[in-house]
Amino acid sequence: MKHWYAIFGSRVSNINLVANEILSVLGGSLEIRDSSYIGEYGKLKVKLSHDLVESEIMIRANIDVQFGGFEEPEYPDIPVLIYASRIADIDGLQQRLASMELEKISLRQV
């Protein structure tokens, strides 16, 4: 079964606020982590209604901690990135996240 991989951006600069808002919209379990490779990030595991597999959502700053600069250099005005993987129902995910006014950066079917 094919799945979607999506990247969204938030203009809210606080990772914890964005992660907790996504958690309140989608449910699931949230873990805030800190990595020397990517910095502080939130990892959310959620079972979306039509998905057979648990989807993963990572919320992180648009900063490349290791090399400096931006993780997504085409979007320097977006401080927080949301990476969603293993999404079967991309339309459902986008509808549920619509209230957050996220910017869609990339959608790919894999």
PDB file of N, CA and C in Angstrom:
ATOM      1  N   MET A   1       0.837  -1.180   0.000  1.00  0.00           N
ATOM      2  CA  MET A   1       0.000   0.000   0.000  1.00  0.00           C
ATOM      3  C   MET A   1       0.887   1.249   0.000  1.00  0.00           C
ATOM      4  N   LYS A   2       0.553   2.193  -0.841  1.00  0.00           N
ATOM      5  CA  LYS A   2       1.310   3.440  -0.906  1.00  0.00           C
ATOM      6  C   LYS A   2       0.889   4.363   0.232  1.00  0.00           C
ATOM      7  N   HIS A   3       1.838   5.163   0.659  1.00  0.00           N
ATOM      8  CA  HIS A   3       1.604   6.121   1.716  1.00  0.00           C
ATOM      9  C   HIS A   3       2.112   7.485   1.276  1.00  0.00           C
ATOM     10  N   TRP A   4       1.776   8.482   2.053  1.00  0.00           N
ATOM     11  CA  TRP A   4       2.214   9.839   1.790  1.00  0.00           C
ATOM     12  C   TRP A   4       3.269  10.262   2.802  1.00  0.00           C
ATOM     13  N   TYR A   5       4.141  11.115   2.346  1.00  0.00           N
ATOM     14  CA  TYR A   5       5.131  11.785   3.173  1.00  0.00           C
ATOM     15  C   TYR A   5       4.866  13.271   2.974  1.00  0.00           C
ATOM     16  N   ALA A   6       4.704  14.009   4.050  1.00  0.00           N
ATOM     17  CA  ALA A   6       4.344  15.422   3.935  1.00  0.00           C
ATOM     18  C   ALA A   6       5.226  16.273   4.832  1.00  0.00           C
ATOM     19  N   ILE A   7       5.473  17.490   4.376  1.00  0.00           N
ATOM     20  CA  ILE A   7       6.160  18.478   5.202  1.00  0.00           C
ATOM     21  C   ILE A   7       5.264  19.712   5.252  1.00  0.00           C
ATOM     22  N   PHE A   8       4.991  20.159   6.466  1.00  0.00           N
ATOM     23  CA  PHE A   8       4.231  21.384   6.689  1.00  0.00           C
ATOM     24  C   PHE A   8       5.110  22.339   7.483  1.00  0.00           C
ATOM     25  N   GLY A   9       4.783  23.616   7.440  1.00  0.00           N
ATOM     26  CA  GLY A   9       5.515  24.609   8.213  1.00  0.00           C
ATOM     27  C   GLY A   9       4.570  25.412   9.080  1.00  0.00           C
ATOM     28  N   SER A  10       5.072  25.821  10.245  1.00  0.00           N
ATOM     29  CA  SER A  10       4.295  26.655  11.162  1.00  0.00           C
ATOM     30  C   SER A  10       5.042  27.958  11.397  1.00  0.00           C
ATOM     31  N   ARG A  11       4.305  29.040  11.467  1.00  0.00           N
ATOM     32  CA  ARG A  11       4.913  30.341  11.758  1.00  0.00           C
ATOM     33  C   ARG A  11       5.049  30.566  13.271  1.00  0.00           C
ATOM     34  N   VAL A  12       4.502  29.646  14.066  1.00  0.00           N
ATOM     35  CA  VAL A  12       4.691  29.687  15.511  1.00  0.00           C
ATOM     36  C   VAL A  12       6.103  29.163  15.784  1.00  0.00           C
ATOM     37  N   SER A  13       6.884  29.895  16.538  1.00  0.00           N
ATOM     38  CA  SER A  13       8.305  29.536  16.675  1.00  0.00           C
ATOM     39  C   SER A  13       8.609  28.586  17.838  1.00  0.00           C
ATOM     40  N   ASN A  14       7.624  28.198  18.621  1.00  0.00           N
ATOM     41  CA  ASN A  14       7.846  27.331  19.768  1.00  0.00           C
ATOM     42  C   ASN A  14       7.468  25.888  19.413  1.00  0.00           C
ATOM     43  N   ILE A  15       8.455  25.001  19.389  1.00  0.00           N
ATOM     44  CA  ILE A  15       8.225  23.601  19.023  1.00  0.00           C
ATOM     45  C   ILE A  15       7.216  22.940  19.949  1.00  0.00           C
ATOM     46  N   ASN A  16       7.331  23.197  21.260  1.00  0.00           N
ATOM     47  CA  ASN A  16       6.418  22.577  22.217  1.00  0.00           C
ATOM     48  C   ASN A  16       4.972  22.998  21.991  1.00  0.00           C
ATOM     49  N   LEU A  17       4.752  24.280  21.703  1.00  0.00           N
ATOM     50  CA  LEU A  17       3.389  24.748  21.437  1.00  0.00           C
ATOM     51  C   LEU A  17       2.808  24.077  20.198  1.00  0.00           C
ATOM     52  N   VAL A  18       3.600  24.015  19.133  1.00  0.00           N
ATOM     53  CA  VAL A  18       3.138  23.388  17.894  1.00  0.00           C
ATOM     54  C   VAL A  18       2.860  21.911  18.121  1.00  0.00           C
ATOM     55  N   ALA A  19       3.780  21.216  18.808  1.00  0.00           N
ATOM     56  CA  ALA A  19       3.615  19.789  19.070  1.00  0.00           C
ATOM     57  C   ALA A  19       2.363  19.509  19.892  1.00  0.00           C
ATOM     58  N   ASN A  20       2.131  20.308  20.925  1.00  0.00           N
ATOM     59  CA  ASN A  20       0.947  20.096  21.758  1.00  0.00           C
ATOM     60  C   ASN A  20      -0.343  20.438  21.035  1.00  0.00           C
ATOM     61  N   GLU A  21      -0.311  21.408  20.129  1.00  0.00           N
ATOM     62  CA  GLU A  21      -1.505  21.720  19.345  1.00  0.00           C
ATOM     63  C   GLU A  21      -1.820  20.565  18.382  1.00  0.00           C
ATOM     64  N   ILE A  22      -0.797  20.012  17.744  1.00  0.00           N
ATOM     65  CA  ILE A  22      -1.009  18.864  16.860  1.00  0.00           C
ATOM     66  C   ILE A  22      -1.541  17.685  17.675  1.00  0.00           C
ATOM     67  N   LEU A  23      -0.991  17.474  18.856  1.00  0.00           N
ATOM     68  CA  LEU A  23      -1.456  16.402  19.731  1.00  0.00           C
ATOM     69  C   LEU A  23      -2.933  16.582  20.078  1.00  0.00           C
ATOM     70  N   SER A  24      -3.345  17.812  20.376  1.00  0.00           N
ATOM     71  CA  SER A  24      -4.754  18.045  20.723  1.00  0.00           C
ATOM     72  C   SER A  24      -5.681  17.825  19.529  1.00  0.00           C
ATOM     73  N   VAL A  25      -5.187  18.058  18.324  1.00  0.00           N
ATOM     74  CA  VAL A  25      -5.999  17.864  17.114  1.00  0.00           C
ATOM     75  C   VAL A  25      -6.048  16.389  16.707  1.00  0.00           C
ATOM     76  N   LEU A  26      -4.911  15.695  16.783  1.00  0.00           N
ATOM     77  CA  LEU A  26      -4.818  14.328  16.261  1.00  0.00           C
ATOM     78  C   LEU A  26      -4.878  13.235  17.329  1.00  0.00           C
ATOM     79  N   GLY A  27      -4.565  13.582  18.567  1.00  0.00           N
ATOM     80  CA  GLY A  27      -4.460  12.556  19.600  1.00  0.00           C
ATOM     81  C   GLY A  27      -3.146  11.815  19.442  1.00  0.00           C
ATOM     82  N   GLY A  28      -3.042  10.657  20.061  1.00  0.00           N
ATOM     83  CA  GLY A  28      -1.813   9.867  19.963  1.00  0.00           C
ATOM     84  C   GLY A  28      -0.927  10.081  21.166  1.00  0.00           C
ATOM     85  N   SER A  29       0.350   9.824  20.994  1.00  0.00           N
ATOM     86  CA  SER A  29       1.310  10.004  22.088  1.00  0.00           C
ATOM     87  C   SER A  29       2.447  10.893  21.611  1.00  0.00           C
ATOM     88  N   LEU A  30       2.862  11.798  22.478  1.00  0.00           N
ATOM     89  CA  LEU A  30       3.898  12.770  22.140  1.00  0.00           C
ATOM     90  C   LEU A  30       5.089  12.595  23.069  1.00  0.00           C
ATOM     91  N   GLU A  31       6.268  12.636  22.475  1.00  0.00           N
ATOM     92  CA  GLU A  31       7.506  12.592  23.241  1.00  0.00           C
ATOM     93  C   GLU A  31       8.395  13.735  22.756  1.00  0.00           C
ATOM     94  N   ILE A  32       8.852  14.567  23.685  1.00  0.00           N
ATOM     95  CA  ILE A  32       9.785  15.639  23.344  1.00  0.00           C
ATOM     96  C   ILE A  32      11.192  15.095  23.573  1.00  0.00           C
ATOM     97  N   ARG A  33      12.027  15.227  22.561  1.00  0.00           N
ATOM     98  CA  ARG A  33      13.388  14.692  22.615  1.00  0.00           C
ATOM     99  C   ARG A  33      14.389  15.788  22.298  1.00  0.00           C
ATOM    100  N   ASP A  34      15.652  15.509  22.596  1.00  0.00           N
ATOM    101  CA  ASP A  34      16.737  16.423  22.248  1.00  0.00           C
ATOM    102  C   ASP A  34      17.853  15.594  21.632  1.00  0.00           C
ATOM    103  N   SER A  35      18.336  16.030  20.484  1.00  0.00           N
ATOM    104  CA  SER A  35      19.341  15.286  19.741  1.00  0.00           C
ATOM    105  C   SER A  35      20.475  16.219  19.345  1.00  0.00           C
ATOM    106  N   SER A  36      21.698  15.752  19.456  1.00  0.00           N
ATOM    107  CA  SER A  36      22.825  16.568  19.005  1.00  0.00           C
ATOM    108  C   SER A  36      22.815  16.708  17.484  1.00  0.00           C
ATOM    109  N   TYR A  37      22.113  15.820  16.805  1.00  0.00           N
ATOM    110  CA  TYR A  37      22.041  15.840  15.340  1.00  0.00           C
ATOM    111  C   TYR A  37      20.992  16.827  14.829  1.00  0.00           C
ATOM    112  N   ILE A  38      19.790  16.845  15.459  1.00  0.00           N
ATOM    113  CA  ILE A  38      18.726  17.733  14.955  1.00  0.00           C
ATOM    114  C   ILE A  38      18.217  18.719  15.996  1.00  0.00           C
ATOM    115  N   GLY A  39      18.720  18.698  17.204  1.00  0.00           N
ATOM    116  CA  GLY A  39      18.259  19.614  18.243  1.00  0.00           C
ATOM    117  C   GLY A  39      16.998  19.090  18.917  1.00  0.00           C
ATOM    118  N   GLU A  40      16.274  19.999  19.566  1.00  0.00           N
ATOM    119  CA  GLU A  40      15.031  19.611  20.237  1.00  0.00           C
ATOM    120  C   GLU A  40      13.947  19.330  19.192  1.00  0.00           C
ATOM    121  N   TYR A  41      13.188  18.270  19.431  1.00  0.00           N
ATOM    122  CA  TYR A  41      12.096  17.950  18.524  1.00  0.00           C
ATOM    123  C   TYR A  41      11.018  17.162  19.252  1.00  0.00           C
ATOM    124  N   GLY A  42       9.836  17.180  18.680  1.00  0.00           N
ATOM    125  CA  GLY A  42       8.736  16.390  19.206  1.00  0.00           C
ATOM    126  C   GLY A  42       8.448  15.245  18.258  1.00  0.00           C
ATOM    127  N   LYS A  43       8.141  14.083  18.822  1.00  0.00           N
ATOM    128  CA  LYS A  43       7.792  12.921  18.008  1.00  0.00           C
ATOM    129  C   LYS A  43       6.410  12.461  18.445  1.00  0.00           C
ATOM    130  N   LEU A  44       5.500  12.456  17.492  1.00  0.00           N
ATOM    131  CA  LEU A  44       4.110  12.096  17.747  1.00  0.00           C
ATOM    132  C   LEU A  44       3.782  10.836  16.963  1.00  0.00           C
ATOM    133  N   LYS A  45       3.249   9.851  17.651  1.00  0.00           N
ATOM    134  CA  LYS A  45       2.759   8.646  16.975  1.00  0.00           C
ATOM    135  C   LYS A  45       1.251   8.678  17.074  1.00  0.00           C
ATOM    136  N   VAL A  46       0.594   8.514  15.929  1.00  0.00           N
ATOM    137  CA  VAL A  46      -0.856   8.650  15.888  1.00  0.00           C
ATOM    138  C   VAL A  46      -1.454   7.629  14.939  1.00  0.00           C
ATOM    139  N   LYS A  47      -2.591   7.125  15.295  1.00  0.00           N
ATOM    140  CA  LYS A  47      -3.336   6.206  14.424  1.00  0.00           C
ATOM    141  C   LYS A  47      -4.453   7.032  13.804  1.00  0.00           C
ATOM    142  N   LEU A  48      -4.314   7.338  12.527  1.00  0.00           N
ATOM    143  CA  LEU A  48      -5.345   8.101  11.824  1.00  0.00           C
ATOM    144  C   LEU A  48      -6.441   7.152  11.365  1.00  0.00           C
ATOM    145  N   SER A  49      -7.641   7.637  11.206  1.00  0.00           N
ATOM    146  CA  SER A  49      -8.817   6.792  11.003  1.00  0.00           C
ATOM    147  C   SER A  49      -8.694   5.750   9.896  1.00  0.00           C
ATOM    148  N   HIS A  50      -8.172   6.114   8.742  1.00  0.00           N
ATOM    149  CA  HIS A  50      -8.120   5.184   7.614  1.00  0.00           C
ATOM    150  C   HIS A  50      -6.766   4.484   7.473  1.00  0.00           C
ATOM    151  N   ASP A  51      -5.821   4.865   8.307  1.00  0.00           N
ATOM    152  CA  ASP A  51      -4.480   4.299   8.187  1.00  0.00           C
ATOM    153  C   ASP A  51      -4.398   2.949   8.896  1.00  0.00           C
ATOM    154  N   LEU A  52      -3.797   1.999   8.232  1.00  0.00           N
ATOM    155  CA  LEU A  52      -3.609   0.686   8.838  1.00  0.00           C
ATOM    156  C   LEU A  52      -2.364   0.652   9.716  1.00  0.00           C
ATOM    157  N   VAL A  53      -1.437   1.559   9.429  1.00  0.00           N
ATOM    158  CA  VAL A  53      -0.198   1.622  10.196  1.00  0.00           C
ATOM    159  C   VAL A  53      -0.195   2.897  11.030  1.00  0.00           C
ATOM    160  N   GLU A  54       0.557   2.875  12.100  1.00  0.00           N
ATOM    161  CA  GLU A  54       0.689   4.062  12.924  1.00  0.00           C
ATOM    162  C   GLU A  54       1.530   5.088  12.171  1.00  0.00           C
ATOM    163  N   SER A  55       1.046   6.304  12.110  1.00  0.00           N
ATOM    164  CA  SER A  55       1.764   7.374  11.421  1.00  0.00           C
ATOM    165  C   SER A  55       2.701   8.070  12.393  1.00  0.00           C
ATOM    166  N   GLU A  56       3.781   8.618  11.870  1.00  0.00           N
ATOM    167  CA  GLU A  56       4.732   9.356  12.692  1.00  0.00           C
ATOM    168  C   GLU A  56       4.789  10.806  12.236  1.00  0.00           C
ATOM    169  N   ILE A  57       4.820  11.685  13.209  1.00  0.00           N
ATOM    170  CA  ILE A  57       4.929  13.107  12.927  1.00  0.00           C
ATOM    171  C   ILE A  57       6.069  13.649  13.777  1.00  0.00           C
ATOM    172  N   MET A  58       7.002  14.330  13.125  1.00  0.00           N
ATOM    173  CA  MET A  58       8.120  14.937  13.828  1.00  0.00           C
ATOM    174  C   MET A  58       8.005  16.447  13.688  1.00  0.00           C
ATOM    175  N   ILE A  59       8.138  17.141  14.805  1.00  0.00           N
ATOM    176  CA  ILE A  59       8.054  18.595  14.842  1.00  0.00           C
ATOM    177  C   ILE A  59       9.431  19.101  15.283  1.00  0.00           C
ATOM    178  N   ARG A  60      10.051  19.925  14.458  1.00  0.00           N
ATOM    179  CA  ARG A  60      11.407  20.401  14.757  1.00  0.00           C
ATOM    180  C   ARG A  60      11.619  21.806  14.214  1.00  0.00           C
ATOM    181  N   ALA A  61      12.669  22.442  14.686  1.00  0.00           N
ATOM    182  CA  ALA A  61      13.017  23.775  14.204  1.00  0.00           C
ATOM    183  C   ALA A  61      13.584  23.680  12.789  1.00  0.00           C
ATOM    184  N   ASN A  62      13.395  24.735  12.044  1.00  0.00           N
ATOM    185  CA  ASN A  62      13.939  24.810  10.683  1.00  0.00           C
ATOM    186  C   ASN A  62      15.395  25.269  10.750  1.00  0.00           C
ATOM    187  N   ILE A  63      16.181  24.532  11.524  1.00  0.00           N
ATOM    188  CA  ILE A  63      17.604  24.842  11.698  1.00  0.00           C
ATOM    189  C   ILE A  63      18.396  23.555  11.507  1.00  0.00           C
ATOM    190  N   ASP A  64      19.466  23.651  10.757  1.00  0.00           N
ATOM    191  CA  ASP A  64      20.378  22.521  10.608  1.00  0.00           C
ATOM    192  C   ASP A  64      21.436  22.659  11.693  1.00  0.00           C
ATOM    193  N   VAL A  65      21.218  21.970  12.807  1.00  0.00           N
ATOM    194  CA  VAL A  65      22.096  22.081  13.975  1.00  0.00           C
ATOM    195  C   VAL A  65      23.527  21.676  13.639  1.00  0.00           C
ATOM    196  N   GLN A  66      23.670  20.657  12.832  1.00  0.00           N
ATOM    197  CA  GLN A  66      24.998  20.126  12.526  1.00  0.00           C
ATOM    198  C   GLN A  66      25.837  21.050  11.636  1.00  0.00           C
ATOM    199  N   PHE A  67      25.199  21.609  10.603  1.00  0.00           N
ATOM    200  CA  PHE A  67      25.966  22.370   9.617  1.00  0.00           C
ATOM    201  C   PHE A  67      25.616  23.854   9.564  1.00  0.00           C
ATOM    202  N   GLY A  68      24.649  24.295  10.365  1.00  0.00           N
ATOM    203  CA  GLY A  68      24.217  25.681  10.339  1.00  0.00           C
ATOM    204  C   GLY A  68      23.244  25.921   9.198  1.00  0.00           C
ATOM    205  N   GLY A  69      22.635  27.049   9.187  1.00  0.00           N
ATOM    206  CA  GLY A  69      21.665  27.369   8.149  1.00  0.00           C
ATOM    207  C   GLY A  69      20.309  26.744   8.448  1.00  0.00           C
ATOM    208  N   PHE A  70      19.507  26.619   7.400  1.00  0.00           N
ATOM    209  CA  PHE A  70      18.151  26.104   7.527  1.00  0.00           C
ATOM    210  C   PHE A  70      18.061  24.663   7.059  1.00  0.00           C
ATOM    211  N   GLU A  71      17.196  23.893   7.698  1.00  0.00           N
ATOM    212  CA  GLU A  71      16.921  22.533   7.248  1.00  0.00           C
ATOM    213  C   GLU A  71      16.183  22.575   5.910  1.00  0.00           C
ATOM    214  N   GLU A  72      15.244  23.494   5.788  1.00  0.00           N
ATOM    215  CA  GLU A  72      14.513  23.727   4.529  1.00  0.00           C
ATOM    216  C   GLU A  72      14.839  25.153   4.086  1.00  0.00           C
ATOM    217  N   PRO A  73      15.947  25.347   3.367  1.00  0.00           N
ATOM    218  CA  PRO A  73      16.428  26.693   3.043  1.00  0.00           C
ATOM    219  C   PRO A  73      15.485  27.502   2.150  1.00  0.00           C
ATOM    220  N   GLU A  74      14.575  26.830   1.469  1.00  0.00           N
ATOM    221  CA  GLU A  74      13.621  27.563   0.624  1.00  0.00           C
ATOM    222  C   GLU A  74      12.558  28.265   1.465  1.00  0.00           C
ATOM    223  N   TYR A  75      12.512  27.960   2.777  1.00  0.00           N
ATOM    224  CA  TYR A  75      11.490  28.500   3.667  1.00  0.00           C
ATOM    225  C   TYR A  75      12.127  29.123   4.909  1.00  0.00           C
ATOM    226  N   PRO A  76      12.973  30.144   4.736  1.00  0.00           N
ATOM    227  CA  PRO A  76      13.652  30.734   5.889  1.00  0.00           C
ATOM    228  C   PRO A  76      12.711  31.440   6.861  1.00  0.00           C
ATOM    229  N   ASP A  77      11.510  31.800   6.402  1.00  0.00           N
ATOM    230  CA  ASP A  77      10.542  32.490   7.266  1.00  0.00           C
ATOM    231  C   ASP A  77       9.647  31.519   8.044  1.00  0.00           C
ATOM    232  N   ILE A  78       9.864  30.215   7.890  1.00  0.00           N
ATOM    233  CA  ILE A  78       9.102  29.191   8.612  1.00  0.00           C
ATOM    234  C   ILE A  78       9.999  28.654   9.735  1.00  0.00           C
ATOM    235  N   PRO A  79       9.704  28.995  11.004  1.00  0.00           N
ATOM    236  CA  PRO A  79      10.597  28.570  12.089  1.00  0.00           C
ATOM    237  C   PRO A  79      10.434  27.116  12.537  1.00  0.00           C
ATOM    238  N   VAL A  80       9.246  26.524  12.332  1.00  0.00           N
ATOM    239  CA  VAL A  80       9.004  25.152  12.794  1.00  0.00           C
ATOM    240  C   VAL A  80       8.494  24.306  11.640  1.00  0.00           C
ATOM    241  N   LEU A  81       9.078  23.108  11.508  1.00  0.00           N
ATOM    242  CA  LEU A  81       8.703  22.170  10.452  1.00  0.00           C
ATOM    243  C   LEU A  81       7.987  20.972  11.053  1.00  0.00           C
ATOM    244  N   ILE A  82       7.009  20.452  10.303  1.00  0.00           N
ATOM    245  CA  ILE A  82       6.263  19.266  10.700  1.00  0.00           C
ATOM    246  C   ILE A  82       6.443  18.240   9.595  1.00  0.00           C
ATOM    247  N   TYR A  83       7.121  17.139   9.915  1.00  0.00           N
ATOM    248  CA  TYR A  83       7.339  16.051   8.966  1.00  0.00           C
ATOM    249  C   TYR A  83       6.369  14.924   9.317  1.00  0.00           C
ATOM    250  N   ALA A  84       5.520  14.543   8.383  1.00  0.00           N
ATOM    251  CA  ALA A  84       4.559  13.454   8.602  1.00  0.00           C
ATOM    252  C   ALA A  84       4.897  12.314   7.647  1.00  0.00           C
ATOM    253  N   SER A  85       4.989  11.100   8.189  1.00  0.00           N
ATOM    254  CA  SER A  85       5.315   9.947   7.349  1.00  0.00           C
ATOM    255  C   SER A  85       4.336   8.811   7.611  1.00  0.00           C
ATOM    256  N   ARG A  86       4.264   7.912   6.622  1.00  0.00           N
ATOM    257  CA  ARG A  86       3.353   6.763   6.651  1.00  0.00           C
ATOM    258  C   ARG A  86       1.895   7.202   6.788  1.00  0.00           C
ATOM    259  N   ILE A  87       1.491   8.149   5.954  1.00  0.00           N
ATOM    260  CA  ILE A  87       0.127   8.669   5.978  1.00  0.00           C
ATOM    261  C   ILE A  87      -0.635   8.075   4.799  1.00  0.00           C
ATOM    262  N   ALA A  88      -1.662   7.285   5.075  1.00  0.00           N
ATOM    263  CA  ALA A  88      -2.475   6.708   3.999  1.00  0.00           C
ATOM    264  C   ALA A  88      -3.551   7.697   3.553  1.00  0.00           C
ATOM    265  N   ASP A  89      -4.141   8.416   4.494  1.00  0.00           N
ATOM    266  CA  ASP A  89      -5.235   9.345   4.193  1.00  0.00           C
ATOM    267  C   ASP A  89      -4.733  10.775   4.318  1.00  0.00           C
ATOM    268  N   ILE A  90      -4.043  11.254   3.293  1.00  0.00           N
ATOM    269  CA  ILE A  90      -3.453  12.597   3.338  1.00  0.00           C
ATOM    270  C   ILE A  90      -4.531  13.676   3.377  1.00  0.00           C
ATOM    271  N   ASP A  91      -5.646  13.460   2.687  1.00  0.00           N
ATOM    272  CA  ASP A  91      -6.732  14.450   2.708  1.00  0.00           C
ATOM    273  C   ASP A  91      -7.305  14.584   4.115  1.00  0.00           C
ATOM    274  N   GLY A  92      -7.494  13.450   4.787  1.00  0.00           N
ATOM    275  CA  GLY A  92      -8.003  13.477   6.152  1.00  0.00           C
ATOM    276  C   GLY A  92      -7.057  14.202   7.093  1.00  0.00           C
ATOM    277  N   LEU A  93      -5.755  13.953   6.935  1.00  0.00           N
ATOM    278  CA  LEU A  93      -4.769  14.632   7.775  1.00  0.00           C
ATOM    279  C   LEU A  93      -4.813  16.136   7.541  1.00  0.00           C
ATOM    280  N   GLN A  94      -4.848  16.551   6.286  1.00  0.00           N
ATOM    281  CA  GLN A  94      -4.875  17.983   5.974  1.00  0.00           C
ATOM    282  C   GLN A  94      -6.138  18.642   6.507  1.00  0.00           C
ATOM    283  N   GLN A  95      -7.273  17.957   6.435  1.00  0.00           N
ATOM    284  CA  GLN A  95      -8.518  18.512   6.975  1.00  0.00           C
ATOM    285  C   GLN A  95      -8.432  18.699   8.479  1.00  0.00           C
ATOM    286  N   ARG A  96      -7.861  17.713   9.169  1.00  0.00           N
ATOM    287  CA  ARG A  96      -7.761  17.795  10.627  1.00  0.00           C
ATOM    288  C   ARG A  96      -6.780  18.875  11.066  1.00  0.00           C
ATOM    289  N   LEU A  97      -5.749  19.123  10.272  1.00  0.00           N
ATOM    290  CA  LEU A  97      -4.759  20.135  10.621  1.00  0.00           C
ATOM    291  C   LEU A  97      -5.114  21.529  10.099  1.00  0.00           C
ATOM    292  N   ALA A  98      -6.209  21.653   9.353  1.00  0.00           N
ATOM    293  CA  ALA A  98      -6.565  22.918   8.700  1.00  0.00           C
ATOM    294  C   ALA A  98      -6.698  24.077   9.694  1.00  0.00           C
ATOM    295  N   SER A  99      -7.189  23.817  10.888  1.00  0.00           N
ATOM    296  CA  SER A  99      -7.378  24.888  11.875  1.00  0.00           C
ATOM    297  C   SER A  99      -6.062  25.509  12.325  1.00  0.00           C
ATOM    298  N   MET A 100      -4.959  24.824  12.103  1.00  0.00           N
ATOM    299  CA  MET A 100      -3.656  25.326  12.528  1.00  0.00           C
ATOM    300  C   MET A 100      -3.020  26.282  11.532  1.00  0.00           C
ATOM    301  N   GLU A 101      -3.592  26.416  10.361  1.00  0.00           N
ATOM    302  CA  GLU A 101      -3.083  27.315   9.323  1.00  0.00           C
ATOM    303  C   GLU A 101      -1.609  27.056   9.011  1.00  0.00           C
ATOM    304  N   LEU A 102      -1.297  25.793   8.772  1.00  0.00           N
ATOM    305  CA  LEU A 102       0.065  25.404   8.411  1.00  0.00           C
ATOM    306  C   LEU A 102       0.304  25.640   6.930  1.00  0.00           C
ATOM    307  N   GLU A 103       1.542  25.903   6.594  1.00  0.00           N
ATOM    308  CA  GLU A 103       1.909  26.026   5.177  1.00  0.00           C
ATOM    309  C   GLU A 103       2.339  24.656   4.655  1.00  0.00           C
ATOM    310  N   LYS A 104       1.757  24.254   3.541  1.00  0.00           N
ATOM    311  CA  LYS A 104       2.134  22.993   2.918  1.00  0.00           C
ATOM    312  C   LYS A 104       3.438  23.213   2.151  1.00  0.00           C
ATOM    313  N   ILE A 105       4.488  22.473   2.525  1.00  0.00           N
ATOM    314  CA  ILE A 105       5.783  22.604   1.885  1.00  0.00           C
ATOM    315  C   ILE A 105       5.990  21.517   0.842  1.00  0.00           C
ATOM    316  N   SER A 106       5.626  20.280   1.181  1.00  0.00           N
ATOM    317  CA  SER A 106       5.858  19.184   0.252  1.00  0.00           C
ATOM    318  C   SER A 106       4.891  18.027   0.536  1.00  0.00           C
ATOM    319  N   LEU A 107       4.411  17.413  -0.526  1.00  0.00           N
ATOM    320  CA  LEU A 107       3.601  16.189  -0.447  1.00  0.00           C
ATOM    321  C   LEU A 107       4.176  15.210  -1.466  1.00  0.00           C
ATOM    322  N   ARG A 108       4.495  14.008  -0.999  1.00  0.00           N
ATOM    323  CA  ARG A 108       4.995  12.975  -1.910  1.00  0.00           C
ATOM    324  C   ARG A 108       4.346  11.650  -1.566  1.00  0.00           C
ATOM    325  N   GLN A 109       3.980  10.925  -2.591  1.00  0.00           N
ATOM    326  CA  GLN A 109       3.479   9.573  -2.371  1.00  0.00           C
ATOM    327  C   GLN A 109       4.655   8.608  -2.514  1.00  0.00           C
ATOM    328  N   VAL A 110       4.827   7.739  -1.543  1.00  0.00           N
ATOM    329  CA  VAL A 110       5.957   6.789  -1.562  1.00  0.00           C
ATOM    330  C   VAL A 110       5.461   5.376  -1.448  1.00  0.00           C
TER     331      VAL A 110
END
